[in-house]
């Protein structure tokens, strides 16, 4: 028969090996840690596909011009242009794109003419709704070279927040351009 000190030693050894496994399982189930996600934007699921509206073999910074262009709208228009300009030598691999619908605010269209890198495209409300389905269109989107709308960045009303937000968009786009061989 085993002595009490031997039993204690065996229980201690078993606890040393079993306890970390139990804690790791509990941490996974309770979602106690930040997963390895490094993107700053919100990953869209299911992924909308833009090919019915616009098919390019470039990365796109997409913005859908709303009916009323408020401060968040103006910040988004400036952000997509500034992010594109900040790409530097990678500018030819990406483009800022603004979708203009019949009911879109006409005031910012003049401002878009002052941004030579921004491409505008006319689309109907119905076609935009078919692409985005359950995804709100108020924000900046990142579209890959296969026309998948992969990331969404929510609108920012405060100018300071919009500047910080555009840095996040730039970081994500640079990372994707570095990893991508297409476009």
C-alpha atoms as a PDB file:
ATOM      1  CA  UNK A   1       0.000   0.000   0.000  1.00  0.00           C
ATOM      2  CA  UNK A   2       1.199   3.518  -0.913  1.00  0.00           C
ATOM      3  CA  UNK A   3       2.199   5.876   1.841  1.00  0.00           C
ATOM      4  CA  UNK A   4       0.254   9.144   2.364  1.00  0.00           C
ATOM      5  CA  UNK A   5       3.235  11.218   1.206  1.00  0.00           C
ATOM      6  CA  UNK A   6       3.455   9.146  -1.996  1.00  0.00           C
ATOM      7  CA  UNK A   7      -0.269   9.754  -2.671  1.00  0.00           C
ATOM      8  CA  UNK A   8       0.187  13.487  -2.131  1.00  0.00           C
ATOM      9  CA  UNK A   9       3.086  13.518  -4.555  1.00  0.00           C
ATOM     10  CA  UNK A  10       1.057  11.641  -7.195  1.00  0.00           C
ATOM     11  CA  UNK A  11      -1.919  14.021  -6.766  1.00  0.00           C
ATOM     12  CA  UNK A  12       0.401  17.022  -7.022  1.00  0.00           C
ATOM     13  CA  UNK A  13       2.010  15.674 -10.222  1.00  0.00           C
ATOM     14  CA  UNK A  14      -1.429  14.925 -11.705  1.00  0.00           C
ATOM     15  CA  UNK A  15      -2.632  18.447 -10.793  1.00  0.00           C
ATOM     16  CA  UNK A  16       0.431  20.021 -12.409  1.00  0.00           C
ATOM     17  CA  UNK A  17      -0.385  18.305 -15.726  1.00  0.00           C
ATOM     18  CA  UNK A  18      -4.192  18.387 -15.645  1.00  0.00           C
ATOM     19  CA  UNK A  19      -4.819  21.883 -14.248  1.00  0.00           C
ATOM     20  CA  UNK A  20      -3.219  23.810 -17.184  1.00  0.00           C
ATOM     21  CA  UNK A  21      -5.199  21.734 -19.682  1.00  0.00           C
ATOM     22  CA  UNK A  22      -8.444  22.437 -17.830  1.00  0.00           C
ATOM     23  CA  UNK A  23      -7.654  26.159 -17.592  1.00  0.00           C
ATOM     24  CA  UNK A  24      -6.810  26.339 -21.311  1.00  0.00           C
ATOM     25  CA  UNK A  25     -10.068  24.594 -22.222  1.00  0.00           C
ATOM     26  CA  UNK A  26     -12.012  26.965 -19.977  1.00  0.00           C
ATOM     27  CA  UNK A  27     -10.255  30.009 -21.468  1.00  0.00           C
ATOM     28  CA  UNK A  28     -11.155  28.869 -24.997  1.00  0.00           C
ATOM     29  CA  UNK A  29     -14.794  28.184 -24.113  1.00  0.00           C
ATOM     30  CA  UNK A  30     -15.250  31.440 -22.196  1.00  0.00           C
ATOM     31  CA  UNK A  31     -13.390  33.505 -24.848  1.00  0.00           C
ATOM     32  CA  UNK A  32     -11.057  35.067 -22.267  1.00  0.00           C
ATOM     33  CA  UNK A  33      -8.376  36.131 -24.720  1.00  0.00           C
ATOM     34  CA  UNK A  34      -8.098  38.183 -27.883  1.00  0.00           C
ATOM     35  CA  UNK A  35      -7.926  35.944 -30.918  1.00  0.00           C
ATOM     36  CA  UNK A  36      -5.222  36.523 -33.501  1.00  0.00           C
ATOM     37  CA  UNK A  37      -7.241  39.075 -35.458  1.00  0.00           C
ATOM     38  CA  UNK A  38      -5.168  42.068 -36.454  1.00  0.00           C
ATOM     39  CA  UNK A  39      -7.518  43.876 -38.802  1.00  0.00           C
ATOM     40  CA  UNK A  40      -8.943  47.170 -37.605  1.00  0.00           C
ATOM     41  CA  UNK A  41     -12.110  47.028 -39.708  1.00  0.00           C
ATOM     42  CA  UNK A  42     -15.141  44.818 -39.185  1.00  0.00           C
ATOM     43  CA  UNK A  43     -14.943  41.622 -41.226  1.00  0.00           C
ATOM     44  CA  UNK A  44     -18.176  41.171 -43.165  1.00  0.00           C
ATOM     45  CA  UNK A  45     -19.979  37.841 -43.142  1.00  0.00           C
ATOM     46  CA  UNK A  46     -21.514  36.858 -45.444  1.00  0.00           C
ATOM     47  CA  UNK A  47     -19.227  38.712 -47.808  1.00  0.00           C
ATOM     48  CA  UNK A  48     -21.067  40.981 -50.264  1.00  0.00           C
ATOM     49  CA  UNK A  49     -19.823  40.832 -53.850  1.00  0.00           C
ATOM     50  CA  UNK A  50     -19.563  44.066 -55.819  1.00  0.00           C
ATOM     51  CA  UNK A  51     -19.116  42.488 -59.270  1.00  0.00           C
ATOM     52  CA  UNK A  52     -22.696  43.257 -60.329  1.00  0.00           C
ATOM     53  CA  UNK A  53     -21.954  46.980 -59.840  1.00  0.00           C
ATOM     54  CA  UNK A  54     -18.235  47.325 -60.492  1.00  0.00           C
ATOM     55  CA  UNK A  55     -15.629  44.778 -61.513  1.00  0.00           C
ATOM     56  CA  UNK A  56     -11.989  45.845 -61.295  1.00  0.00           C
ATOM     57  CA  UNK A  57      -8.790  43.995 -60.580  1.00  0.00           C
ATOM     58  CA  UNK A  58      -7.791  46.598 -58.014  1.00  0.00           C
ATOM     59  CA  UNK A  59      -8.325  47.046 -54.326  1.00  0.00           C
ATOM     60  CA  UNK A  60     -10.977  49.689 -53.701  1.00  0.00           C
ATOM     61  CA  UNK A  61     -11.809  52.060 -50.874  1.00  0.00           C
ATOM     62  CA  UNK A  62     -15.560  52.250 -51.318  1.00  0.00           C
ATOM     63  CA  UNK A  63     -18.042  54.776 -50.020  1.00  0.00           C
ATOM     64  CA  UNK A  64     -21.756  54.932 -50.831  1.00  0.00           C
ATOM     65  CA  UNK A  65     -22.878  58.565 -50.939  1.00  0.00           C
ATOM     66  CA  UNK A  66     -26.004  58.936 -48.732  1.00  0.00           C
ATOM     67  CA  UNK A  67     -29.081  61.116 -49.192  1.00  0.00           C
ATOM     68  CA  UNK A  68     -27.770  63.689 -46.710  1.00  0.00           C
ATOM     69  CA  UNK A  69     -24.027  64.233 -46.497  1.00  0.00           C
ATOM     70  CA  UNK A  70     -23.313  65.146 -42.865  1.00  0.00           C
ATOM     71  CA  UNK A  71     -19.980  65.479 -41.020  1.00  0.00           C
ATOM     72  CA  UNK A  72     -19.429  61.700 -41.036  1.00  0.00           C
ATOM     73  CA  UNK A  73     -19.969  61.640 -44.804  1.00  0.00           C
ATOM     74  CA  UNK A  74     -17.535  64.500 -45.398  1.00  0.00           C
ATOM     75  CA  UNK A  75     -14.966  62.814 -43.143  1.00  0.00           C
ATOM     76  CA  UNK A  76     -15.352  59.549 -45.086  1.00  0.00           C
ATOM     77  CA  UNK A  77     -14.857  61.264 -48.443  1.00  0.00           C
ATOM     78  CA  UNK A  78     -11.698  62.969 -47.208  1.00  0.00           C
ATOM     79  CA  UNK A  79     -10.484  59.729 -45.584  1.00  0.00           C
ATOM     80  CA  UNK A  80     -10.732  57.550 -48.697  1.00  0.00           C
ATOM     81  CA  UNK A  81      -8.794  60.135 -50.691  1.00  0.00           C
ATOM     82  CA  UNK A  82      -6.133  60.628 -47.998  1.00  0.00           C
ATOM     83  CA  UNK A  83      -5.655  56.886 -47.521  1.00  0.00           C
ATOM     84  CA  UNK A  84      -5.185  56.487 -51.264  1.00  0.00           C
ATOM     85  CA  UNK A  85      -2.683  59.377 -51.389  1.00  0.00           C
ATOM     86  CA  UNK A  86      -0.818  57.896 -48.390  1.00  0.00           C
ATOM     87  CA  UNK A  87      -0.306  54.635 -50.294  1.00  0.00           C
ATOM     88  CA  UNK A  88       2.420  56.386 -52.283  1.00  0.00           C
ATOM     89  CA  UNK A  89       3.944  54.057 -54.853  1.00  0.00           C
ATOM     90  CA  UNK A  90       1.189  51.493 -54.227  1.00  0.00           C
ATOM     91  CA  UNK A  91      -1.508  53.901 -55.486  1.00  0.00           C
ATOM     92  CA  UNK A  92      -1.798  52.101 -58.805  1.00  0.00           C
ATOM     93  CA  UNK A  93      -2.959  48.933 -56.988  1.00  0.00           C
ATOM     94  CA  UNK A  94      -5.919  50.622 -55.295  1.00  0.00           C
ATOM     95  CA  UNK A  95      -8.487  53.303 -55.950  1.00  0.00           C
ATOM     96  CA  UNK A  96     -11.030  55.301 -53.982  1.00  0.00           C
ATOM     97  CA  UNK A  97     -14.538  54.731 -55.354  1.00  0.00           C
ATOM     98  CA  UNK A  98     -17.722  56.607 -54.473  1.00  0.00           C
ATOM     99  CA  UNK A  99     -21.053  55.117 -55.497  1.00  0.00           C
ATOM    100  CA  UNK A 100     -23.560  57.856 -56.300  1.00  0.00           C
ATOM    101  CA  UNK A 101     -27.253  56.999 -56.404  1.00  0.00           C
ATOM    102  CA  UNK A 102     -30.173  59.038 -57.761  1.00  0.00           C
ATOM    103  CA  UNK A 103     -31.140  60.077 -54.228  1.00  0.00           C
ATOM    104  CA  UNK A 104     -27.563  60.865 -53.103  1.00  0.00           C
ATOM    105  CA  UNK A 105     -26.784  64.354 -51.824  1.00  0.00           C
ATOM    106  CA  UNK A 106     -25.646  66.597 -54.699  1.00  0.00           C
ATOM    107  CA  UNK A 107     -23.579  68.994 -52.572  1.00  0.00           C
ATOM    108  CA  UNK A 108     -20.490  66.742 -52.101  1.00  0.00           C
ATOM    109  CA  UNK A 109     -20.328  65.839 -55.797  1.00  0.00           C
ATOM    110  CA  UNK A 110     -18.618  69.175 -56.510  1.00  0.00           C
ATOM    111  CA  UNK A 111     -16.104  68.454 -53.733  1.00  0.00           C
ATOM    112  CA  UNK A 112     -15.347  65.081 -55.334  1.00  0.00           C
ATOM    113  CA  UNK A 113     -14.192  66.865 -58.475  1.00  0.00           C
ATOM    114  CA  UNK A 114     -11.354  68.372 -56.430  1.00  0.00           C
ATOM    115  CA  UNK A 115     -10.097  64.866 -55.570  1.00  0.00           C
ATOM    116  CA  UNK A 116      -8.505  63.616 -58.807  1.00  0.00           C
ATOM    117  CA  UNK A 117      -7.879  60.089 -57.533  1.00  0.00           C
ATOM    118  CA  UNK A 118     -11.499  59.444 -56.552  1.00  0.00           C
ATOM    119  CA  UNK A 119     -13.619  57.647 -59.132  1.00  0.00           C
ATOM    120  CA  UNK A 120     -17.389  58.080 -58.980  1.00  0.00           C
ATOM    121  CA  UNK A 121     -19.887  55.586 -60.272  1.00  0.00           C
ATOM    122  CA  UNK A 122     -23.639  55.919 -60.766  1.00  0.00           C
ATOM    123  CA  UNK A 123     -25.814  53.076 -59.419  1.00  0.00           C
ATOM    124  CA  UNK A 124     -29.444  52.598 -58.514  1.00  0.00           C
ATOM    125  CA  UNK A 125     -30.611  52.215 -54.909  1.00  0.00           C
ATOM    126  CA  UNK A 126     -31.979  48.773 -55.832  1.00  0.00           C
ATOM    127  CA  UNK A 127     -28.616  47.548 -57.152  1.00  0.00           C
ATOM    128  CA  UNK A 128     -26.807  48.822 -54.055  1.00  0.00           C
ATOM    129  CA  UNK A 129     -29.377  47.083 -51.832  1.00  0.00           C
ATOM    130  CA  UNK A 130     -28.906  43.826 -53.751  1.00  0.00           C
ATOM    131  CA  UNK A 131     -25.157  43.915 -53.154  1.00  0.00           C
ATOM    132  CA  UNK A 132     -25.212  44.934 -49.492  1.00  0.00           C
ATOM    133  CA  UNK A 133     -28.434  43.142 -48.407  1.00  0.00           C
ATOM    134  CA  UNK A 134     -28.249  43.227 -44.568  1.00  0.00           C
ATOM    135  CA  UNK A 135     -25.056  45.292 -44.321  1.00  0.00           C
ATOM    136  CA  UNK A 136     -25.502  49.003 -43.546  1.00  0.00           C
ATOM    137  CA  UNK A 137     -23.953  51.169 -46.260  1.00  0.00           C
ATOM    138  CA  UNK A 138     -22.922  53.998 -43.925  1.00  0.00           C
ATOM    139  CA  UNK A 139     -19.206  53.562 -43.673  1.00  0.00           C
ATOM    140  CA  UNK A 140     -16.057  52.979 -45.661  1.00  0.00           C
ATOM    141  CA  UNK A 141     -15.586  49.562 -47.216  1.00  0.00           C
ATOM    142  CA  UNK A 142     -12.501  47.743 -48.404  1.00  0.00           C
ATOM    143  CA  UNK A 143     -13.090  45.737 -51.590  1.00  0.00           C
ATOM    144  CA  UNK A 144     -10.589  43.123 -52.737  1.00  0.00           C
ATOM    145  CA  UNK A 145      -9.440  42.367 -56.287  1.00  0.00           C
ATOM    146  CA  UNK A 146     -12.109  39.666 -56.651  1.00  0.00           C
ATOM    147  CA  UNK A 147     -14.846  42.263 -55.960  1.00  0.00           C
ATOM    148  CA  UNK A 148     -15.533  40.976 -52.429  1.00  0.00           C
ATOM    149  CA  UNK A 149     -16.452  43.642 -49.900  1.00  0.00           C
ATOM    150  CA  UNK A 150     -14.353  42.307 -47.021  1.00  0.00           C
ATOM    151  CA  UNK A 151     -14.024  45.018 -44.355  1.00  0.00           C
ATOM    152  CA  UNK A 152     -16.284  47.807 -43.084  1.00  0.00           C
ATOM    153  CA  UNK A 153     -15.192  50.849 -41.130  1.00  0.00           C
ATOM    154  CA  UNK A 154     -18.033  52.643 -39.310  1.00  0.00           C
ATOM    155  CA  UNK A 155     -18.619  56.351 -39.952  1.00  0.00           C
ATOM    156  CA  UNK A 156     -16.824  58.887 -37.756  1.00  0.00           C
ATOM    157  CA  UNK A 157     -18.481  62.219 -36.923  1.00  0.00           C
ATOM    158  CA  UNK A 158     -15.565  63.762 -35.021  1.00  0.00           C
ATOM    159  CA  UNK A 159     -12.737  64.899 -37.289  1.00  0.00           C
ATOM    160  CA  UNK A 160     -10.013  63.756 -34.870  1.00  0.00           C
ATOM    161  CA  UNK A 161     -11.562  60.271 -34.683  1.00  0.00           C
ATOM    162  CA  UNK A 162     -11.845  60.212 -38.476  1.00  0.00           C
ATOM    163  CA  UNK A 163      -8.106  60.900 -38.817  1.00  0.00           C
ATOM    164  CA  UNK A 164      -7.268  58.071 -36.408  1.00  0.00           C
ATOM    165  CA  UNK A 165      -9.748  55.853 -38.209  1.00  0.00           C
ATOM    166  CA  UNK A 166      -8.136  56.565 -41.580  1.00  0.00           C
ATOM    167  CA  UNK A 167      -4.819  55.385 -40.120  1.00  0.00           C
ATOM    168  CA  UNK A 168      -6.499  52.078 -39.273  1.00  0.00           C
ATOM    169  CA  UNK A 169      -7.833  51.787 -42.824  1.00  0.00           C
ATOM    170  CA  UNK A 170      -4.385  52.548 -44.226  1.00  0.00           C
ATOM    171  CA  UNK A 171      -2.763  49.937 -41.968  1.00  0.00           C
ATOM    172  CA  UNK A 172      -5.248  47.263 -43.069  1.00  0.00           C
ATOM    173  CA  UNK A 173      -4.915  48.156 -46.745  1.00  0.00           C
ATOM    174  CA  UNK A 174      -1.104  48.170 -46.628  1.00  0.00           C
ATOM    175  CA  UNK A 175      -1.123  44.779 -44.937  1.00  0.00           C
ATOM    176  CA  UNK A 176      -3.495  43.366 -47.564  1.00  0.00           C
ATOM    177  CA  UNK A 177      -1.486  44.840 -50.428  1.00  0.00           C
ATOM    178  CA  UNK A 178       1.657  43.311 -48.986  1.00  0.00           C
ATOM    179  CA  UNK A 179       0.026  39.881 -48.760  1.00  0.00           C
ATOM    180  CA  UNK A 180      -1.739  40.081 -52.128  1.00  0.00           C
ATOM    181  CA  UNK A 181      -0.091  39.303 -55.432  1.00  0.00           C
ATOM    182  CA  UNK A 182      -3.201  40.308 -57.403  1.00  0.00           C
ATOM    183  CA  UNK A 183      -4.042  43.902 -58.219  1.00  0.00           C
END
